[in-house]
PDB file of all heavy atoms in Angstrom:
ATOM      1  N   ASP A   1      14.008   7.777  -1.567  1.00  0.00           N
ATOM      2  CA  ASP A   1      13.839   9.158  -2.040  1.00  0.00           C
ATOM      3  C   ASP A   1      12.393   9.624  -1.887  1.00  0.00           C
ATOM      4  O   ASP A   1      12.137  10.770  -1.498  1.00  0.00           O
ATOM      5  CB  ASP A   1      14.276   9.274  -3.497  1.00  0.00           C
ATOM      6  CG  ASP A   1      15.782   9.169  -3.665  1.00  0.00           C
ATOM      7  OD1 ASP A   1      16.336   8.122  -3.298  1.00  0.00           O
ATOM      8  OD2 ASP A   1      16.391  10.127  -4.163  1.00  0.00           O
ATOM      9  N   LEU A   2      11.444   8.744  -2.197  1.00  0.00           N
ATOM     10  CA  LEU A   2      10.032   9.080  -2.050  1.00  0.00           C
ATOM     11  C   LEU A   2       9.709   9.428  -0.600  1.00  0.00           C
ATOM     12  O   LEU A   2       9.039  10.433  -0.321  1.00  0.00           O
ATOM     13  CB  LEU A   2       9.154   7.915  -2.511  1.00  0.00           C
ATOM     14  CG  LEU A   2       7.654   8.104  -2.318  1.00  0.00           C
ATOM     15  CD1 LEU A   2       7.111   9.162  -3.271  1.00  0.00           C
ATOM     16  CD2 LEU A   2       6.917   6.771  -2.504  1.00  0.00           C
ATOM     17  N   PHE A   3      10.194   8.606   0.332  1.00  0.00           N
ATOM     18  CA  PHE A   3       9.917   8.841   1.749  1.00  0.00           C
ATOM     19  C   PHE A   3      10.561  10.139   2.234  1.00  0.00           C
ATOM     20  O   PHE A   3       9.937  10.928   2.959  1.00  0.00           O
ATOM     21  CB  PHE A   3      10.408   7.658   2.583  1.00  0.00           C
ATOM     22  CG  PHE A   3      10.169   7.826   4.058  1.00  0.00           C
ATOM     23  CD1 PHE A   3       8.891   7.742   4.583  1.00  0.00           C
ATOM     24  CD2 PHE A   3      11.229   8.082   4.921  1.00  0.00           C
ATOM     25  CE1 PHE A   3       8.654   7.902   5.947  1.00  0.00           C
ATOM     26  CE2 PHE A   3      11.010   8.251   6.280  1.00  0.00           C
ATOM     27  CZ  PHE A   3       9.716   8.161   6.791  1.00  0.00           C
ATOM     28  N   GLU A   4      11.783  10.380   1.819  1.00  0.00           N
ATOM     29  CA  GLU A   4      12.468  11.597   2.254  1.00  0.00           C
ATOM     30  C   GLU A   4      11.796  12.854   1.704  1.00  0.00           C
ATOM     31  O   GLU A   4      11.778  13.896   2.368  1.00  0.00           O
ATOM     32  CB  GLU A   4      13.938  11.553   1.816  1.00  0.00           C
ATOM     33  CG  GLU A   4      14.770  10.518   2.567  1.00  0.00           C
ATOM     34  CD  GLU A   4      16.216  10.469   2.094  1.00  0.00           C
ATOM     35  OE1 GLU A   4      16.517  11.109   1.057  1.00  0.00           O
ATOM     36  OE2 GLU A   4      17.025   9.783   2.742  1.00  0.00           O
ATOM     37  N   TYR A   5      11.203  12.754   0.531  1.00  0.00           N
ATOM     38  CA  TYR A   5      10.600  13.916  -0.114  1.00  0.00           C
ATOM     39  C   TYR A   5       9.167  14.161   0.351  1.00  0.00           C
ATOM     40  O   TYR A   5       8.727  15.313   0.471  1.00  0.00           O
ATOM     41  CB  TYR A   5      10.625  13.726  -1.633  1.00  0.00           C
ATOM     42  CG  TYR A   5      10.388  14.983  -2.433  1.00  0.00           C
ATOM     43  CD1 TYR A   5      11.381  15.954  -2.545  1.00  0.00           C
ATOM     44  CD2 TYR A   5       9.185  15.205  -3.095  1.00  0.00           C
ATOM     45  CE1 TYR A   5      11.176  17.112  -3.294  1.00  0.00           C
ATOM     46  CE2 TYR A   5       8.969  16.356  -3.848  1.00  0.00           C
ATOM     47  CZ  TYR A   5       9.970  17.306  -3.939  1.00  0.00           C
ATOM     48  OH  TYR A   5       9.763  18.457  -4.684  1.00  0.00           O
ATOM     49  N   THR A   6       8.416  13.080   0.606  1.00  0.00           N
ATOM     50  CA  THR A   6       6.988  13.218   0.918  1.00  0.00           C
ATOM     51  C   THR A   6       6.625  12.785   2.335  1.00  0.00           C
ATOM     52  O   THR A   6       5.510  13.073   2.794  1.00  0.00           O
ATOM     53  CB  THR A   6       6.128  12.380  -0.046  1.00  0.00           C
ATOM     54  OG1 THR A   6       6.395  10.984   0.172  1.00  0.00           O
ATOM     55  CG2 THR A   6       6.434  12.742  -1.501  1.00  0.00           C
ATOM     56  N   GLY A   7       7.509  12.051   3.010  1.00  0.00           N
ATOM     57  CA  GLY A   7       7.170  11.507   4.313  1.00  0.00           C
ATOM     58  C   GLY A   7       6.267  10.293   4.235  1.00  0.00           C
ATOM     59  O   GLY A   7       5.714   9.837   5.239  1.00  0.00           O
ATOM     60  N   TYR A   8       6.112   9.725   3.038  1.00  0.00           N
ATOM     61  CA  TYR A   8       5.205   8.578   2.863  1.00  0.00           C
ATOM     62  C   TYR A   8       5.926   7.436   2.173  1.00  0.00           C
ATOM     63  O   TYR A   8       6.719   7.643   1.269  1.00  0.00           O
ATOM     64  CB  TYR A   8       3.986   8.978   2.016  1.00  0.00           C
ATOM     65  CG  TYR A   8       2.964   7.877   1.893  1.00  0.00           C
ATOM     66  CD1 TYR A   8       2.098   7.597   2.940  1.00  0.00           C
ATOM     67  CD2 TYR A   8       2.877   7.108   0.737  1.00  0.00           C
ATOM     68  CE1 TYR A   8       1.159   6.574   2.841  1.00  0.00           C
ATOM     69  CE2 TYR A   8       1.938   6.087   0.614  1.00  0.00           C
ATOM     70  CZ  TYR A   8       1.079   5.822   1.674  1.00  0.00           C
ATOM     71  OH  TYR A   8       0.156   4.809   1.570  1.00  0.00           O
ATOM     72  N   ARG A   9       5.615   6.231   2.637  1.00  0.00           N
ATOM     73  CA  ARG A   9       6.069   5.036   1.938  1.00  0.00           C
ATOM     74  C   ARG A   9       4.888   4.065   1.841  1.00  0.00           C
ATOM     75  O   ARG A   9       4.084   3.963   2.786  1.00  0.00           O
ATOM     76  CB  ARG A   9       7.269   4.383   2.626  1.00  0.00           C
ATOM     77  CG  ARG A   9       6.995   3.754   3.955  1.00  0.00           C
ATOM     78  CD  ARG A   9       8.210   3.008   4.497  1.00  0.00           C
ATOM     79  NE  ARG A   9       9.214   3.875   5.075  1.00  0.00           N
ATOM     80  CZ  ARG A   9      10.444   3.996   4.574  1.00  0.00           C
ATOM     81  NH1 ARG A   9      10.785   3.317   3.498  1.00  0.00           N
ATOM     82  NH2 ARG A   9      11.315   4.796   5.159  1.00  0.00           N
ATOM     83  N   PRO A  10       4.721   3.382   0.704  1.00  0.00           N
ATOM     84  CA  PRO A  10       3.619   2.430   0.552  1.00  0.00           C
ATOM     85  C   PRO A  10       3.589   1.413   1.685  1.00  0.00           C
ATOM     86  O   PRO A  10       4.637   0.945   2.137  1.00  0.00           O
ATOM     87  CB  PRO A  10       3.926   1.767  -0.797  1.00  0.00           C
ATOM     88  CG  PRO A  10       4.607   2.861  -1.566  1.00  0.00           C
ATOM     89  CD  PRO A  10       5.478   3.553  -0.551  1.00  0.00           C
ATOM     90  N   GLU A  11       2.372   1.068   2.158  1.00  0.00           N
ATOM     91  CA  GLU A  11       2.260   0.288   3.387  1.00  0.00           C
ATOM     92  C   GLU A  11       1.233  -0.842   3.343  1.00  0.00           C
ATOM     93  O   GLU A  11       1.175  -1.652   4.269  1.00  0.00           O
ATOM     94  CB  GLU A  11       1.909   1.228   4.545  1.00  0.00           C
ATOM     95  CG  GLU A  11       0.626   2.020   4.327  1.00  0.00           C
ATOM     96  CD  GLU A  11       0.415   3.111   5.367  1.00  0.00           C
ATOM     97  OE1 GLU A  11       1.379   3.447   6.089  1.00  0.00           O
ATOM     98  OE2 GLU A  11      -0.722   3.611   5.464  1.00  0.00           O
ATOM     99  N   VAL A  12       0.396  -0.928   2.306  1.00  0.00           N
ATOM    100  CA  VAL A  12      -0.664  -1.932   2.273  1.00  0.00           C
ATOM    101  C   VAL A  12      -0.087  -3.312   1.944  1.00  0.00           C
ATOM    102  O   VAL A  12       0.546  -3.500   0.904  1.00  0.00           O
ATOM    103  CB  VAL A  12      -1.761  -1.560   1.259  1.00  0.00           C
ATOM    104  CG1 VAL A  12      -2.837  -2.636   1.209  1.00  0.00           C
ATOM    105  CG2 VAL A  12      -2.374  -0.210   1.621  1.00  0.00           C
ATOM    106  N   ALA A  13      -0.306  -4.280   2.828  1.00  0.00           N
ATOM    107  CA  ALA A  13       0.204  -5.642   2.647  1.00  0.00           C
ATOM    108  C   ALA A  13      -0.543  -6.351   1.527  1.00  0.00           C
ATOM    109  O   ALA A  13      -1.717  -6.059   1.247  1.00  0.00           O
ATOM    110  CB  ALA A  13       0.068  -6.427   3.946  1.00  0.00           C
ATOM    111  N   VAL A  14       0.126  -7.307   0.895  1.00  0.00           N
ATOM    112  CA  VAL A  14      -0.474  -8.065  -0.203  1.00  0.00           C
ATOM    113  C   VAL A  14      -1.750  -8.772   0.236  1.00  0.00           C
ATOM    114  O   VAL A  14      -2.738  -8.802  -0.503  1.00  0.00           O
ATOM    115  CB  VAL A  14       0.555  -9.058  -0.780  1.00  0.00           C
ATOM    116  CG1 VAL A  14      -0.136 -10.150  -1.577  1.00  0.00           C
ATOM    117  CG2 VAL A  14       1.542  -8.323  -1.688  1.00  0.00           C
ATOM    118  N   SER A  15      -1.761  -9.328   1.439  1.00  0.00           N
ATOM    119  CA  SER A  15      -2.957 -10.027   1.908  1.00  0.00           C
ATOM    120  C   SER A  15      -4.157  -9.087   1.969  1.00  0.00           C
ATOM    121  O   SER A  15      -5.271  -9.438   1.565  1.00  0.00           O
ATOM    122  CB  SER A  15      -2.704 -10.649   3.285  1.00  0.00           C
ATOM    123  OG  SER A  15      -2.313  -9.656   4.226  1.00  0.00           O
ATOM    124  N   GLU A  16      -3.949  -7.875   2.449  1.00  0.00           N
ATOM    125  CA  GLU A  16      -5.008  -6.879   2.538  1.00  0.00           C
ATOM    126  C   GLU A  16      -5.438  -6.427   1.148  1.00  0.00           C
ATOM    127  O   GLU A  16      -6.630  -6.272   0.866  1.00  0.00           O
ATOM    128  CB  GLU A  16      -4.516  -5.693   3.362  1.00  0.00           C
ATOM    129  CG  GLU A  16      -5.536  -4.595   3.568  1.00  0.00           C
ATOM    130  CD  GLU A  16      -4.982  -3.415   4.345  1.00  0.00           C
ATOM    131  OE1 GLU A  16      -3.874  -3.534   4.905  1.00  0.00           O
ATOM    132  OE2 GLU A  16      -5.653  -2.363   4.381  1.00  0.00           O
ATOM    133  N   GLY A  17      -4.469  -6.197   0.280  1.00  0.00           N
ATOM    134  CA  GLY A  17      -4.775  -5.717  -1.061  1.00  0.00           C
ATOM    135  C   GLY A  17      -5.534  -6.736  -1.895  1.00  0.00           C
ATOM    136  O   GLY A  17      -6.489  -6.384  -2.600  1.00  0.00           O
ATOM    137  N   ILE A  18      -5.120  -7.995  -1.833  1.00  0.00           N
ATOM    138  CA  ILE A  18      -5.812  -9.044  -2.595  1.00  0.00           C
ATOM    139  C   ILE A  18      -7.223  -9.238  -2.064  1.00  0.00           C
ATOM    140  O   ILE A  18      -8.172  -9.442  -2.837  1.00  0.00           O
ATOM    141  CB  ILE A  18      -5.008 -10.360  -2.566  1.00  0.00           C
ATOM    142  CG1 ILE A  18      -3.725 -10.207  -3.396  1.00  0.00           C
ATOM    143  CG2 ILE A  18      -5.849 -11.520  -3.106  1.00  0.00           C
ATOM    144  CD1 ILE A  18      -2.859 -11.446  -3.448  1.00  0.00           C
ATOM    145  N   ALA A  19      -7.399  -9.162  -0.751  1.00  0.00           N
ATOM    146  CA  ALA A  19      -8.741  -9.289  -0.171  1.00  0.00           C
ATOM    147  C   ALA A  19      -9.661  -8.195  -0.707  1.00  0.00           C
ATOM    148  O   ALA A  19     -10.830  -8.449  -1.041  1.00  0.00           O
ATOM    149  CB  ALA A  19      -8.662  -9.228   1.351  1.00  0.00           C
ATOM    150  N   ALA A  20      -9.154  -6.970  -0.799  1.00  0.00           N
ATOM    151  CA  ALA A  20      -9.957  -5.863  -1.317  1.00  0.00           C
ATOM    152  C   ALA A  20     -10.296  -6.081  -2.787  1.00  0.00           C
ATOM    153  O   ALA A  20     -11.421  -5.810  -3.234  1.00  0.00           O
ATOM    154  CB  ALA A  20      -9.217  -4.546  -1.129  1.00  0.00           C
ATOM    155  N   PHE A  21      -9.314  -6.573  -3.561  1.00  0.00           N
ATOM    156  CA  PHE A  21      -9.565  -6.847  -4.967  1.00  0.00           C
ATOM    157  C   PHE A  21     -10.631  -7.919  -5.138  1.00  0.00           C
ATOM    158  O   PHE A  21     -11.561  -7.761  -5.945  1.00  0.00           O
ATOM    159  CB  PHE A  21      -8.288  -7.290  -5.685  1.00  0.00           C
ATOM    160  CG  PHE A  21      -8.537  -7.830  -7.068  1.00  0.00           C
ATOM    161  CD1 PHE A  21      -8.716  -6.969  -8.139  1.00  0.00           C
ATOM    162  CD2 PHE A  21      -8.639  -9.196  -7.288  1.00  0.00           C
ATOM    163  CE1 PHE A  21      -8.985  -7.456  -9.417  1.00  0.00           C
ATOM    164  CE2 PHE A  21      -8.904  -9.698  -8.561  1.00  0.00           C
ATOM    165  CZ  PHE A  21      -9.068  -8.825  -9.628  1.00  0.00           C
ATOM    166  N   VAL A  22     -10.523  -9.013  -4.389  1.00  0.00           N
ATOM    167  CA  VAL A  22     -11.468 -10.121  -4.510  1.00  0.00           C
ATOM    168  C   VAL A  22     -12.878  -9.672  -4.140  1.00  0.00           C
ATOM    169  O   VAL A  22     -13.858 -10.046  -4.796  1.00  0.00           O
ATOM    170  CB  VAL A  22     -11.018 -11.317  -3.652  1.00  0.00           C
ATOM    171  CG1 VAL A  22     -12.131 -12.363  -3.536  1.00  0.00           C
ATOM    172  CG2 VAL A  22      -9.771 -11.956  -4.254  1.00  0.00           C
ATOM    173  N   SER A  23     -12.993  -8.855  -3.106  1.00  0.00           N
ATOM    174  CA  SER A  23     -14.305  -8.341  -2.708  1.00  0.00           C
ATOM    175  C   SER A  23     -14.933  -7.537  -3.842  1.00  0.00           C
ATOM    176  O   SER A  23     -16.117  -7.717  -4.173  1.00  0.00           O
ATOM    177  CB  SER A  23     -14.153  -7.468  -1.456  1.00  0.00           C
ATOM    178  OG  SER A  23     -15.386  -6.893  -1.090  1.00  0.00           O
ATOM    179  N   TRP A  24     -14.133  -6.645  -4.473  1.00  0.00           N
ATOM    180  CA  TRP A  24     -14.645  -5.881  -5.603  1.00  0.00           C
ATOM    181  C   TRP A  24     -14.967  -6.792  -6.778  1.00  0.00           C
ATOM    182  O   TRP A  24     -16.029  -6.658  -7.413  1.00  0.00           O
ATOM    183  CB  TRP A  24     -13.615  -4.837  -6.058  1.00  0.00           C
ATOM    184  CG  TRP A  24     -13.963  -4.260  -7.395  1.00  0.00           C
ATOM    185  CD1 TRP A  24     -14.882  -3.288  -7.665  1.00  0.00           C
ATOM    186  CD2 TRP A  24     -13.455  -4.688  -8.671  1.00  0.00           C
ATOM    187  NE1 TRP A  24     -14.963  -3.066  -9.019  1.00  0.00           N
ATOM    188  CE2 TRP A  24     -14.100  -3.913  -9.654  1.00  0.00           C
ATOM    189  CE3 TRP A  24     -12.509  -5.643  -9.061  1.00  0.00           C
ATOM    190  CZ2 TRP A  24     -13.828  -4.068 -11.021  1.00  0.00           C
ATOM    191  CZ3 TRP A  24     -12.236  -5.802 -10.420  1.00  0.00           C
ATOM    192  CH2 TRP A  24     -12.894  -5.018 -11.381  1.00  0.00           C
TER     193      TRP A  24
END
């Protein structure tokens, strides 16, 4: 429903997200 309404779906992989968290 989110994608159909906004054209967006979450896309950031866990590996990328955890790396960003650890850096911060």
